[in-house]
């Protein structure tokens, strides 16, 4: 049985990605949550990962850190879960998109930190963040048009690429980002995913306020 070490579900977009991927694919794991910016966080992560960050997947006494590495590890060890598309070109594109959102779109992440519980419409975002929003929405439209036959996700069936965009879908909901047509349909599909609904309910149940992750509020 795997153990997945994660941060607060309300805030930790990096933790959400492998959690959603594993849960949606039916890969069994136990969850161990450590509070962000706490002494326990530093102590626990230092014991298992030189990166000192969440998420970390423990397979017995073997640790895998970084959300993309964890998802790749799961895909290799559970091929029946079909975490990547079967078609070679679709699989290459899915990996490209996961890597792109993993390392890019910094303006969006900085201006719109994930906050599952919050409802924060009407914020005046910088142009760089809005440009990132437009790029993400174009990716969703183009990918669905080219590869999305046979299901509601980017490549039809659920894949790691969808898990990596799930925190962005959550952000767009929190900040009431305008979405219509294929973009809205895709967001609705991700939000309706049972794994996404489970994560959301857990996030809503958290009572911890992390001010460092709340640039627009001083309390919950």
Foldseek 3Di string as FASTA:
>chain_A
DKEKEFEQLQFGLFSQLQLLLCVLLVNDYHYHYDYPPDPVQQVVQVVQDPVSHDIWMDDDNHIDHTSVRSQVVCCVVCVVSCQAPPDPVRRVVLVVLLVDLSPDLVQLCVQQGGGLQAAAEDDDGDPSNVVSVVVVLVLQVVQCVVQCPCALESNRDHHSSLSSCLSVLSSCRRHVPDDDDSSVSRSVVSCPRPSNVVSSVSNNPDPDDDVVRCPPDDHD
